[in-house]
Amino acid sequence: MRENFNISQWIREVKGEKTEMNILVASLEKYGASVESDKDLRDVAALHYRIIFSFPENTVVTMGIILMDHQTNSDVVIETMTILPKHRKRMGFGSKAIAKVLRWAADNGLRDVRATQVAGQDNENFWKKNGFIQQKKPNPCNDFIYHIT
């Protein structure tokens, strides 16, 4: 959590930036994603979206992302990622989807992308392989960060 953080002020900022952030995330469609606002969540202090990349042989990579996350200073937070069907995992589709998100972030002047709550050695290795660096301790959520240069 950020120090000296005013959550009420932040909620007003998120509300004021929502239209612009919706346009920004919708631009992921140029990178092959379909984008949905995650309306199931009631978090007023961040903007949640579901992005979906479709690949050959009915392979789908779905990510839950957050823009304007109140708990980090990251521009984009990847909070979930799934690949279906499951037997298509470990075939490079997740890396292809991540590469598209990183290209989108770079093309739009964003500074960093964070993968949060990374659990298990295989998942840690996935993020490292894709250029993410494990956040220094304390790191209670085991986050990995990609700094865009």
Protein backbone atom coordinates (compact mmCIF):
# COMPACT_ATOMS: atom_id res chain seq x y z
CA MET A 1 0.00 0.00 0.00
CA ARG A 2 1.24 3.47 -0.78
CA GLU A 3 2.20 5.76 2.09
CA ASN A 4 0.24 8.97 2.79
CA PHE A 5 -2.50 7.80 0.48
CA ASN A 6 -5.91 9.51 0.41
CA ILE A 7 -8.41 6.92 -0.80
CA SER A 8 -11.29 9.39 -1.11
CA GLN A 9 -9.27 11.64 -3.39
CA TRP A 10 -8.12 8.62 -5.39
CA ILE A 11 -11.71 7.45 -5.96
CA ARG A 12 -12.55 10.90 -7.38
CA GLU A 13 -9.50 10.68 -9.68
CA VAL A 14 -10.49 7.21 -10.90
CA LYS A 15 -14.02 8.41 -11.65
CA GLY A 16 -12.62 11.42 -13.53
CA GLU A 17 -10.24 9.28 -15.61
CA LYS A 18 -12.64 6.41 -16.34
CA THR A 19 -13.66 7.54 -19.83
CA GLU A 20 -10.04 8.08 -20.88
CA MET A 21 -8.97 4.74 -19.40
CA ASN A 22 -11.84 2.95 -21.16
CA ILE A 23 -10.61 4.39 -24.47
CA LEU A 24 -7.03 3.39 -23.66
CA VAL A 25 -7.88 -0.20 -22.81
CA ALA A 26 -10.21 -0.45 -25.83
CA SER A 27 -7.18 0.28 -27.99
CA LEU A 28 -5.98 -3.24 -27.11
CA GLU A 29 -8.35 -4.34 -29.88
CA LYS A 30 -5.71 -3.08 -32.35
CA TYR A 31 -3.41 -5.73 -30.84
CA GLY A 32 -5.86 -8.57 -31.33
CA ALA A 33 -7.71 -8.53 -28.00
CA SER A 34 -11.35 -8.22 -27.22
CA VAL A 35 -11.95 -6.07 -24.15
CA GLU A 36 -14.71 -6.08 -21.55
CA SER A 37 -15.16 -3.99 -18.44
CA ASP A 38 -15.27 -6.34 -15.46
CA LYS A 39 -18.64 -5.20 -14.16
CA ASP A 40 -18.85 -8.01 -11.60
CA LEU A 41 -16.37 -6.18 -9.38
CA ARG A 42 -17.49 -3.36 -7.16
CA ASP A 43 -14.04 -1.81 -6.64
CA VAL A 44 -14.52 1.94 -6.97
CA ALA A 45 -10.80 2.61 -6.38
CA ALA A 46 -9.56 0.92 -9.58
CA LEU A 47 -10.68 0.07 -13.10
CA HIS A 48 -10.93 -3.65 -13.85
CA TYR A 49 -11.06 -5.15 -17.34
CA ARG A 50 -11.06 -8.58 -18.93
CA ILE A 51 -8.99 -8.90 -22.10
CA ILE A 52 -9.23 -11.93 -24.34
CA PHE A 53 -6.82 -13.05 -27.05
CA SER A 54 -7.91 -15.79 -29.46
CA PHE A 55 -5.37 -18.02 -31.16
CA PRO A 56 -5.56 -20.93 -33.61
CA GLU A 57 -7.18 -24.20 -32.64
CA ASN A 58 -9.66 -22.49 -30.31
CA THR A 59 -6.96 -21.44 -27.86
CA VAL A 60 -7.99 -18.49 -25.71
CA VAL A 61 -5.88 -16.45 -23.30
CA THR A 62 -7.90 -14.37 -20.86
CA MET A 63 -6.38 -11.77 -18.53
CA GLY A 64 -7.91 -9.74 -15.78
CA ILE A 65 -6.16 -6.39 -15.65
CA ILE A 66 -6.42 -3.30 -13.48
CA LEU A 67 -5.74 0.27 -14.51
CA MET A 68 -5.31 2.94 -11.83
CA ASP A 69 -4.77 0.37 -9.07
CA HIS A 70 -4.79 2.05 -5.68
CA GLN A 71 -2.40 -0.44 -4.08
CA THR A 72 0.56 0.00 -6.44
CA ASN A 73 2.15 2.66 -8.59
CA SER A 74 2.02 0.40 -11.65
CA ASP A 75 0.23 1.55 -14.79
CA VAL A 76 -1.19 -1.92 -15.50
CA VAL A 77 -1.68 -4.80 -13.09
CA ILE A 78 -2.33 -8.29 -14.42
CA GLU A 79 -4.29 -10.02 -11.68
CA THR A 80 -5.37 -13.18 -13.49
CA MET A 81 -4.41 -15.10 -16.60
CA THR A 82 -5.90 -18.32 -17.94
CA ILE A 83 -5.31 -20.38 -21.05
CA LEU A 84 -8.04 -22.62 -22.40
CA PRO A 85 -8.26 -25.39 -23.23
CA LYS A 86 -5.84 -26.41 -20.48
CA HIS A 87 -3.97 -28.87 -22.70
CA ARG A 88 -2.81 -25.84 -24.77
CA LYS A 89 -0.77 -24.46 -21.86
CA ARG A 90 3.02 -24.35 -22.18
CA MET A 91 2.79 -23.86 -25.96
CA GLY A 92 3.70 -20.16 -26.03
CA PHE A 93 0.22 -18.65 -26.23
CA GLY A 94 0.53 -16.91 -22.85
CA SER A 95 3.85 -15.39 -23.90
CA LYS A 96 2.32 -14.19 -27.18
CA ALA A 97 -0.53 -12.53 -25.30
CA ILE A 98 1.87 -10.91 -22.81
CA ALA A 99 4.01 -9.62 -25.70
CA LYS A 100 0.93 -7.93 -27.17
CA VAL A 101 0.05 -6.32 -23.83
CA LEU A 102 3.64 -5.09 -23.40
CA ARG A 103 3.69 -3.66 -26.95
CA TRP A 104 0.36 -1.90 -26.28
CA ALA A 105 1.71 -0.49 -23.01
CA ALA A 106 4.90 0.76 -24.66
CA ASP A 107 3.02 2.25 -27.63
CA ASN A 108 0.80 4.16 -25.20
CA GLY A 109 3.57 5.58 -23.03
CA LEU A 110 2.94 3.43 -19.99
CA ARG A 111 5.86 2.84 -17.61
CA ASP A 112 5.33 -0.61 -16.22
CA VAL A 113 3.19 -3.71 -16.09
CA ARG A 114 2.86 -5.76 -12.91
CA ALA A 115 1.83 -9.39 -12.50
CA THR A 116 0.46 -9.83 -9.01
CA GLN A 117 -0.09 -12.79 -6.72
CA VAL A 118 2.21 -15.07 -8.69
CA ALA A 119 2.08 -18.52 -7.10
CA GLY A 120 4.34 -21.48 -7.83
CA GLN A 121 7.73 -21.92 -9.43
CA ASP A 122 6.33 -22.61 -12.93
CA ASN A 123 4.40 -19.34 -12.83
CA GLU A 124 7.42 -17.43 -11.52
CA ASN A 125 9.50 -18.88 -14.33
CA PHE A 126 6.87 -17.83 -16.88
CA TRP A 127 7.01 -14.19 -15.81
CA LYS A 128 10.82 -14.19 -15.64
CA LYS A 129 10.98 -15.72 -19.14
CA ASN A 130 8.83 -12.85 -20.38
CA GLY A 131 11.16 -10.18 -18.96
CA PHE A 132 9.46 -9.49 -15.65
CA ILE A 133 11.56 -9.00 -12.52
CA GLN A 134 10.46 -10.14 -9.10
CA GLN A 135 9.72 -7.13 -6.91
CA LYS A 136 12.18 -6.64 -4.08
CA LYS A 137 11.13 -7.51 -0.56
CA PRO A 138 8.88 -6.81 1.12
CA ASN A 139 6.80 -8.46 -1.58
CA PRO A 140 3.82 -10.08 0.19
CA CYS A 141 1.90 -10.66 -3.05
CA ASN A 142 4.94 -12.07 -4.91
CA ASP A 143 4.62 -9.48 -7.68
CA PHE A 144 6.71 -9.40 -10.86
CA ILE A 145 7.23 -6.13 -12.75
CA TYR A 146 8.12 -5.33 -16.34
CA HIS A 147 9.69 -1.88 -16.69
CA ILE A 148 9.11 -0.40 -20.14
CA THR A 149 12.12 1.39 -21.54
